[in-house]
Amino acid sequence: MEFPLRSAQIRSAFDQGKPYLAGKTAVACMGDLLTLASFSLVPVVSETLIGAYTTQDEAADACNQKSPDLLFVTENLEQGYGLSLARHVKEFSPKTRTLVFLHRETQAVVREALDAFAEGVMFVSSLGKGVDGDFIRSLSAIAEGGNYYPKDVQTAAGYEGIELLPELSDREMEVLKVLSCGMTNKEIADTLFVSAETVKTHVSSIIGKMGVKDRTQAVIKAIKAGI
């Protein structure tokens, strides 16, 4: 597959992605040094990076010391395992939001990524699709407090119907469905024609009724229930 490096679509994607990362810090951890170097030099990413590593321990130490806003990670690392890193970072740097790039599109690996409560999960095979591609959409979602699990990821997980949800009001169910689409509170408010404060109230109620820690866990539980 050709990567349209100099296409207008890719340049537009870079421009659109910049605001999502403005003022944020990030750590990248990828097992292949060439991939890591290439990713780190992408204009939309390079200015945010405070560290780039190929091993789990190096990236974990960096996240522990610097508490970055974002962690970009692949499952395959030079040493260690990216999904273990994602889970571990949550323990000591809960503010760090994780975007996982998966090379393997198997049910087992996708479920591991979701069970690690990564805020975003996407397949490497979907890169290079410009403004409408998963990468820019994922940046928009996770950098602004949402989650990103595109349909191909949810389908690969094969979770539908294995989780039961508590009784939610019609409006709460409506909010949960759009949460599962990766929308931020502002986007939900605009979609449902309510205030952002009302959305926050509904999200807090949903989290409480579902018995989960945060909106990421609520969304993953909804995916498991087939929402």
C-alpha atoms as a PDB file:
ATOM      1  CA  MET A   1       0.000   0.000   0.000  1.00  0.00           C
ATOM      2  CA  GLU A   2       1.373   3.402  -0.935  1.00  0.00           C
ATOM      3  CA  PHE A   3       1.467   6.039   1.792  1.00  0.00           C
ATOM      4  CA  PRO A   4       0.378   9.353   0.220  1.00  0.00           C
ATOM      5  CA  LEU A   5       3.149  11.337   1.900  1.00  0.00           C
ATOM      6  CA  ARG A   6       2.877  14.580  -0.083  1.00  0.00           C
ATOM      7  CA  SER A   7      -0.829  14.520  -0.798  1.00  0.00           C
ATOM      8  CA  ALA A   8      -3.031  17.487   0.019  1.00  0.00           C
ATOM      9  CA  GLN A   9      -5.092  15.184   2.210  1.00  0.00           C
ATOM     10  CA  ILE A  10      -2.120  14.283   4.424  1.00  0.00           C
ATOM     11  CA  ARG A  11      -0.984  17.915   4.688  1.00  0.00           C
ATOM     12  CA  SER A  12      -4.518  18.887   5.653  1.00  0.00           C
ATOM     13  CA  ALA A  13      -4.558  16.135   8.285  1.00  0.00           C
ATOM     14  CA  PHE A  14      -1.354  17.485   9.833  1.00  0.00           C
ATOM     15  CA  ASP A  15      -2.827  20.982   9.977  1.00  0.00           C
ATOM     16  CA  GLN A  16      -6.071  19.728  11.508  1.00  0.00           C
ATOM     17  CA  GLY A  17      -4.269  17.652  14.107  1.00  0.00           C
ATOM     18  CA  LYS A  18      -2.087  20.446  15.515  1.00  0.00           C
ATOM     19  CA  PRO A  19      -4.745  22.110  17.706  1.00  0.00           C
ATOM     20  CA  TYR A  20      -5.579  18.818  19.409  1.00  0.00           C
ATOM     21  CA  LEU A  21      -2.012  18.487  20.722  1.00  0.00           C
ATOM     22  CA  ALA A  22      -1.311  22.158  21.383  1.00  0.00           C
ATOM     23  CA  GLY A  23       0.125  22.628  24.872  1.00  0.00           C
ATOM     24  CA  LYS A  24       0.200  18.892  25.587  1.00  0.00           C
ATOM     25  CA  THR A  25       3.131  16.596  26.325  1.00  0.00           C
ATOM     26  CA  ALA A  26       3.519  13.054  25.036  1.00  0.00           C
ATOM     27  CA  VAL A  27       5.682   9.950  25.274  1.00  0.00           C
ATOM     28  CA  ALA A  28       5.979   7.438  22.431  1.00  0.00           C
ATOM     29  CA  CYS A  29       6.974   3.793  22.849  1.00  0.00           C
ATOM     30  CA  MET A  30       7.327   1.539  19.806  1.00  0.00           C
ATOM     31  CA  GLY A  31       9.398  -1.587  19.355  1.00  0.00           C
ATOM     32  CA  ASP A  32      10.803  -0.828  15.933  1.00  0.00           C
ATOM     33  CA  LEU A  33      13.345   2.007  15.967  1.00  0.00           C
ATOM     34  CA  LEU A  34      12.597   3.047  12.382  1.00  0.00           C
ATOM     35  CA  THR A  35       8.867   3.247  13.125  1.00  0.00           C
ATOM     36  CA  LEU A  36       9.541   5.188  16.332  1.00  0.00           C
ATOM     37  CA  ALA A  37      11.833   7.660  14.582  1.00  0.00           C
ATOM     38  CA  SER A  38       9.403   8.155  11.701  1.00  0.00           C
ATOM     39  CA  PHE A  39       6.442   8.674  14.031  1.00  0.00           C
ATOM     40  CA  SER A  40       8.427  11.072  16.235  1.00  0.00           C
ATOM     41  CA  LEU A  41       9.251  13.278  13.237  1.00  0.00           C
ATOM     42  CA  VAL A  42       5.637  13.646  12.111  1.00  0.00           C
ATOM     43  CA  PRO A  43       4.956  17.410  12.365  1.00  0.00           C
ATOM     44  CA  VAL A  44       1.731  17.063  14.319  1.00  0.00           C
ATOM     45  CA  VAL A  45       3.501  14.858  16.907  1.00  0.00           C
ATOM     46  CA  SER A  46       7.099  16.055  17.177  1.00  0.00           C
ATOM     47  CA  GLU A  47       6.465  19.264  19.130  1.00  0.00           C
ATOM     48  CA  THR A  48       4.603  17.425  21.877  1.00  0.00           C
ATOM     49  CA  LEU A  49       7.094  14.608  22.482  1.00  0.00           C
ATOM     50  CA  ILE A  50       9.181  14.692  25.649  1.00  0.00           C
ATOM     51  CA  GLY A  51      10.490  11.166  25.181  1.00  0.00           C
ATOM     52  CA  ALA A  52      10.616   8.338  22.640  1.00  0.00           C
ATOM     53  CA  TYR A  53      11.551   4.784  23.649  1.00  0.00           C
ATOM     54  CA  THR A  54      11.620   1.208  22.404  1.00  0.00           C
ATOM     55  CA  THR A  55      11.296  -0.626  25.739  1.00  0.00           C
ATOM     56  CA  GLN A  56       8.572  -0.883  28.361  1.00  0.00           C
ATOM     57  CA  ASP A  57      10.813  -0.009  31.320  1.00  0.00           C
ATOM     58  CA  GLU A  58      12.203   3.135  29.680  1.00  0.00           C
ATOM     59  CA  ALA A  59       8.758   4.432  28.789  1.00  0.00           C
ATOM     60  CA  ALA A  60       7.333   3.531  32.205  1.00  0.00           C
ATOM     61  CA  ASP A  61      10.117   5.454  33.950  1.00  0.00           C
ATOM     62  CA  ALA A  62       9.517   8.477  31.719  1.00  0.00           C
ATOM     63  CA  CYS A  63       5.773   8.431  32.398  1.00  0.00           C
ATOM     64  CA  ASN A  64       6.384   8.019  36.118  1.00  0.00           C
ATOM     65  CA  GLN A  65       8.733  10.999  36.238  1.00  0.00           C
ATOM     66  CA  LYS A  66       7.041  13.329  33.751  1.00  0.00           C
ATOM     67  CA  SER A  67       3.324  12.374  33.809  1.00  0.00           C
ATOM     68  CA  PRO A  68       2.725  13.184  30.129  1.00  0.00           C
ATOM     69  CA  ASP A  69      -0.734  14.018  28.863  1.00  0.00           C
ATOM     70  CA  LEU A  70      -0.530  11.305  26.196  1.00  0.00           C
ATOM     71  CA  LEU A  71       1.166   7.966  25.640  1.00  0.00           C
ATOM     72  CA  PHE A  72       1.463   6.602  22.093  1.00  0.00           C
ATOM     73  CA  VAL A  73       2.303   2.893  22.130  1.00  0.00           C
ATOM     74  CA  THR A  74       2.358  -0.216  19.949  1.00  0.00           C
ATOM     75  CA  GLU A  75       1.816  -3.689  21.360  1.00  0.00           C
ATOM     76  CA  ASN A  76       5.195  -4.925  20.079  1.00  0.00           C
ATOM     77  CA  LEU A  77       8.222  -3.473  21.884  1.00  0.00           C
ATOM     78  CA  GLU A  78      11.950  -4.170  21.793  1.00  0.00           C
ATOM     79  CA  GLN A  79      11.640  -5.321  25.400  1.00  0.00           C
ATOM     80  CA  GLY A  80       8.403  -5.749  27.317  1.00  0.00           C
ATOM     81  CA  TYR A  81       4.850  -5.468  26.032  1.00  0.00           C
ATOM     82  CA  GLY A  82       3.001  -2.334  25.055  1.00  0.00           C
ATOM     83  CA  LEU A  83      -0.338  -3.353  26.522  1.00  0.00           C
ATOM     84  CA  SER A  84       1.292  -4.134  29.865  1.00  0.00           C
ATOM     85  CA  LEU A  85       2.849  -0.669  29.703  1.00  0.00           C
ATOM     86  CA  ALA A  86      -0.552   0.909  29.038  1.00  0.00           C
ATOM     87  CA  ARG A  87      -2.061  -0.861  32.035  1.00  0.00           C
ATOM     88  CA  HIS A  88       0.913  -0.092  34.292  1.00  0.00           C
ATOM     89  CA  VAL A  89       1.005   3.631  33.481  1.00  0.00           C
ATOM     90  CA  LYS A  90      -2.616   3.947  34.634  1.00  0.00           C
ATOM     91  CA  GLU A  91      -1.495   2.937  38.129  1.00  0.00           C
ATOM     92  CA  PHE A  92       0.950   5.807  38.706  1.00  0.00           C
ATOM     93  CA  SER A  93      -0.060   8.413  36.131  1.00  0.00           C
ATOM     94  CA  PRO A  94      -3.863   8.281  35.828  1.00  0.00           C
ATOM     95  CA  LYS A  95      -3.974  11.594  33.951  1.00  0.00           C
ATOM     96  CA  THR A  96      -1.964  10.091  31.068  1.00  0.00           C
ATOM     97  CA  ARG A  97      -4.292   9.134  28.221  1.00  0.00           C
ATOM     98  CA  THR A  98      -3.159   6.274  26.003  1.00  0.00           C
ATOM     99  CA  LEU A  99      -3.520   5.700  22.269  1.00  0.00           C
ATOM    100  CA  VAL A 100      -2.598   2.158  21.230  1.00  0.00           C
ATOM    101  CA  PHE A 101      -1.587   1.284  17.655  1.00  0.00           C
ATOM    102  CA  LEU A 102      -2.156  -2.421  17.044  1.00  0.00           C
ATOM    103  CA  HIS A 103      -0.260  -4.379  14.391  1.00  0.00           C
ATOM    104  CA  ARG A 104      -2.189  -7.547  15.173  1.00  0.00           C
ATOM    105  CA  GLU A 105      -5.925  -7.430  14.581  1.00  0.00           C
ATOM    106  CA  THR A 106      -6.833 -10.544  16.530  1.00  0.00           C
ATOM    107  CA  GLN A 107      -9.650 -10.763  19.041  1.00  0.00           C
ATOM    108  CA  ALA A 108      -7.268 -11.617  21.877  1.00  0.00           C
ATOM    109  CA  VAL A 109      -4.989  -8.616  21.331  1.00  0.00           C
ATOM    110  CA  VAL A 110      -7.869  -6.170  20.829  1.00  0.00           C
ATOM    111  CA  ARG A 111      -9.485  -7.374  24.045  1.00  0.00           C
ATOM    112  CA  GLU A 112      -6.181  -6.962  25.891  1.00  0.00           C
ATOM    113  CA  ALA A 113      -5.982  -3.353  24.712  1.00  0.00           C
ATOM    114  CA  LEU A 114      -9.531  -2.606  25.860  1.00  0.00           C
ATOM    115  CA  ASP A 115      -9.006  -4.402  29.161  1.00  0.00           C
ATOM    116  CA  ALA A 116      -5.940  -2.205  29.716  1.00  0.00           C
ATOM    117  CA  PHE A 117      -8.411   0.733  29.565  1.00  0.00           C
ATOM    118  CA  ALA A 118      -6.508   2.534  26.825  1.00  0.00           C
ATOM    119  CA  GLU A 119      -8.513   5.614  25.888  1.00  0.00           C
ATOM    120  CA  GLY A 120      -7.942   4.984  22.184  1.00  0.00           C
ATOM    121  CA  VAL A 121      -7.259   1.840  20.155  1.00  0.00           C
ATOM    122  CA  MET A 122      -6.674   1.734  16.411  1.00  0.00           C
ATOM    123  CA  PHE A 123      -5.123  -0.563  13.841  1.00  0.00           C
ATOM    124  CA  VAL A 124      -1.851   0.363  12.128  1.00  0.00           C
ATOM    125  CA  SER A 125      -3.469  -0.743   8.877  1.00  0.00           C
ATOM    126  CA  SER A 126      -5.847   2.234   9.045  1.00  0.00           C
ATOM    127  CA  LEU A 127      -3.074   4.853   9.072  1.00  0.00           C
ATOM    128  CA  GLY A 128      -2.559   7.127   6.088  1.00  0.00           C
ATOM    129  CA  LYS A 129      -6.188   7.974   5.451  1.00  0.00           C
ATOM    130  CA  GLY A 130      -5.812  11.706   5.918  1.00  0.00           C
ATOM    131  CA  VAL A 131      -8.282  13.934   7.735  1.00  0.00           C
ATOM    132  CA  ASP A 132     -10.968  11.263   7.757  1.00  0.00           C
ATOM    133  CA  GLY A 133      -8.576   8.587   9.028  1.00  0.00           C
ATOM    134  CA  ASP A 134      -8.404   6.990  12.442  1.00  0.00           C
ATOM    135  CA  PHE A 135      -5.300   8.854  13.614  1.00  0.00           C
ATOM    136  CA  ILE A 136      -6.725  12.382  13.392  1.00  0.00           C
ATOM    137  CA  ARG A 137     -10.078  11.211  14.719  1.00  0.00           C
ATOM    138  CA  SER A 138      -8.355   9.486  17.618  1.00  0.00           C
ATOM    139  CA  LEU A 139      -6.345  12.623  18.445  1.00  0.00           C
ATOM    140  CA  SER A 140      -9.523  14.688  18.413  1.00  0.00           C
ATOM    141  CA  ALA A 141     -11.219  12.280  20.803  1.00  0.00           C
ATOM    142  CA  ILE A 142      -8.593  11.355  23.367  1.00  0.00           C
ATOM    143  CA  ALA A 143      -6.859  14.742  23.506  1.00  0.00           C
ATOM    144  CA  GLU A 144     -10.177  16.391  24.380  1.00  0.00           C
ATOM    145  CA  GLY A 145     -11.350  13.920  27.001  1.00  0.00           C
ATOM    146  CA  GLY A 146     -13.184  11.373  24.851  1.00  0.00           C
ATOM    147  CA  ASN A 147     -12.452   7.804  23.762  1.00  0.00           C
ATOM    148  CA  TYR A 148     -11.756   6.286  20.386  1.00  0.00           C
ATOM    149  CA  TYR A 149     -12.601   2.711  19.459  1.00  0.00           C
ATOM    150  CA  PRO A 150     -13.527   2.633  15.747  1.00  0.00           C
ATOM    151  CA  LYS A 151     -16.002   0.116  14.408  1.00  0.00           C
ATOM    152  CA  ASP A 152     -13.332  -2.247  13.062  1.00  0.00           C
ATOM    153  CA  VAL A 153     -11.762  -2.445  16.524  1.00  0.00           C
ATOM    154  CA  GLN A 154     -15.124  -3.087  18.200  1.00  0.00           C
ATOM    155  CA  THR A 155     -15.964  -5.748  15.624  1.00  0.00           C
ATOM    156  CA  ALA A 156     -12.610  -7.485  16.083  1.00  0.00           C
ATOM    157  CA  ALA A 157     -13.149  -7.543  19.867  1.00  0.00           C
ATOM    158  CA  GLY A 158     -16.323  -9.585  19.360  1.00  0.00           C
ATOM    159  CA  TYR A 159     -17.701  -8.503  22.722  1.00  0.00           C
ATOM    160  CA  GLU A 160     -21.353  -7.943  21.852  1.00  0.00           C
ATOM    161  CA  GLY A 161     -23.751  -9.135  24.505  1.00  0.00           C
ATOM    162  CA  ILE A 162     -21.290 -10.514  27.075  1.00  0.00           C
ATOM    163  CA  GLU A 163     -21.978  -7.730  29.576  1.00  0.00           C
ATOM    164  CA  LEU A 164     -25.267  -6.656  31.161  1.00  0.00           C
ATOM    165  CA  LEU A 165     -25.907  -2.988  31.803  1.00  0.00           C
ATOM    166  CA  PRO A 166     -27.810  -1.565  34.770  1.00  0.00           C
ATOM    167  CA  GLU A 167     -31.101   0.182  34.164  1.00  0.00           C
ATOM    168  CA  LEU A 168     -30.401   3.606  32.682  1.00  0.00           C
ATOM    169  CA  SER A 169     -32.841   6.347  31.769  1.00  0.00           C
ATOM    170  CA  ASP A 170     -33.569   6.900  28.080  1.00  0.00           C
ATOM    171  CA  ARG A 171     -31.419  10.045  28.095  1.00  0.00           C
ATOM    172  CA  GLU A 172     -28.569   8.302  29.896  1.00  0.00           C
ATOM    173  CA  MET A 173     -28.646   5.501  27.345  1.00  0.00           C
ATOM    174  CA  GLU A 174     -28.586   8.098  24.589  1.00  0.00           C
ATOM    175  CA  VAL A 175     -25.539   9.751  26.171  1.00  0.00           C
ATOM    176  CA  LEU A 176     -23.812   6.393  26.611  1.00  0.00           C
ATOM    177  CA  LYS A 177     -24.298   5.564  22.940  1.00  0.00           C
ATOM    178  CA  VAL A 178     -22.684   8.791  21.765  1.00  0.00           C
ATOM    179  CA  LEU A 179     -19.922   8.396  24.364  1.00  0.00           C
ATOM    180  CA  SER A 180     -19.159   5.062  22.708  1.00  0.00           C
ATOM    181  CA  CYS A 181     -18.772   6.894  19.384  1.00  0.00           C
ATOM    182  CA  GLY A 182     -15.845   8.853  20.816  1.00  0.00           C
ATOM    183  CA  MET A 183     -17.583  12.184  21.341  1.00  0.00           C
ATOM    184  CA  THR A 184     -16.374  14.751  23.864  1.00  0.00           C
ATOM    185  CA  ASN A 185     -18.798  16.418  26.286  1.00  0.00           C
ATOM    186  CA  LYS A 186     -19.054  19.467  24.019  1.00  0.00           C
ATOM    187  CA  GLU A 187     -19.809  17.320  20.973  1.00  0.00           C
ATOM    188  CA  ILE A 188     -22.415  15.375  22.938  1.00  0.00           C
ATOM    189  CA  ALA A 189     -24.010  18.626  24.092  1.00  0.00           C
ATOM    190  CA  ASP A 190     -24.165  19.908  20.517  1.00  0.00           C
ATOM    191  CA  THR A 191     -25.581  16.611  19.243  1.00  0.00           C
ATOM    192  CA  LEU A 192     -28.255  16.262  21.924  1.00  0.00           C
ATOM    193  CA  PHE A 193     -29.035  20.000  22.167  1.00  0.00           C
ATOM    194  CA  VAL A 194     -28.274  20.223  25.885  1.00  0.00           C
ATOM    195  CA  SER A 195     -25.677  22.109  27.909  1.00  0.00           C
ATOM    196  CA  ALA A 196     -22.210  20.736  28.620  1.00  0.00           C
ATOM    197  CA  GLU A 197     -23.066  20.806  32.336  1.00  0.00           C
ATOM    198  CA  THR A 198     -26.094  18.599  31.695  1.00  0.00           C
ATOM    199  CA  VAL A 199     -23.881  16.159  29.827  1.00  0.00           C
ATOM    200  CA  LYS A 200     -21.438  16.059  32.757  1.00  0.00           C
ATOM    201  CA  THR A 201     -24.345  15.283  35.096  1.00  0.00           C
ATOM    202  CA  HIS A 202     -25.534  12.432  32.873  1.00  0.00           C
ATOM    203  CA  VAL A 203     -22.001  11.023  32.508  1.00  0.00           C
ATOM    204  CA  SER A 204     -21.486  11.093  36.289  1.00  0.00           C
ATOM    205  CA  SER A 205     -24.812   9.319  36.792  1.00  0.00           C
ATOM    206  CA  ILE A 206     -23.935   6.683  34.176  1.00  0.00           C
ATOM    207  CA  ILE A 207     -20.545   6.022  35.800  1.00  0.00           C
ATOM    208  CA  GLY A 208     -22.201   5.657  39.213  1.00  0.00           C
ATOM    209  CA  LYS A 209     -24.946   3.318  38.001  1.00  0.00           C
ATOM    210  CA  MET A 210     -22.503   1.174  36.019  1.00  0.00           C
ATOM    211  CA  GLY A 211     -20.159   0.851  38.996  1.00  0.00           C
ATOM    212  CA  VAL A 212     -17.076   1.875  37.031  1.00  0.00           C
ATOM    213  CA  LYS A 213     -14.241   4.274  37.750  1.00  0.00           C
ATOM    214  CA  ASP A 214     -14.493   6.670  34.806  1.00  0.00           C
ATOM    215  CA  ARG A 215     -15.951   7.258  31.353  1.00  0.00           C
ATOM    216  CA  THR A 216     -13.350   5.024  29.663  1.00  0.00           C
ATOM    217  CA  GLN A 217     -14.459   2.047  31.734  1.00  0.00           C
ATOM    218  CA  ALA A 218     -18.099   2.967  31.093  1.00  0.00           C
ATOM    219  CA  VAL A 219     -17.552   3.022  27.328  1.00  0.00           C
ATOM    220  CA  ILE A 220     -15.693  -0.296  27.333  1.00  0.00           C
ATOM    221  CA  LYS A 221     -18.451  -1.878  29.408  1.00  0.00           C
ATOM    222  CA  ALA A 222     -20.977  -0.534  26.894  1.00  0.00           C
ATOM    223  CA  ILE A 223     -18.987  -2.050  24.029  1.00  0.00           C
ATOM    224  CA  LYS A 224     -19.017  -5.396  25.814  1.00  0.00           C
ATOM    225  CA  ALA A 225     -22.798  -5.079  26.099  1.00  0.00           C
ATOM    226  CA  GLY A 226     -23.117  -4.422  22.369  1.00  0.00           C
ATOM    227  CA  ILE A 227     -24.000  -0.712  22.625  1.00  0.00           C
END
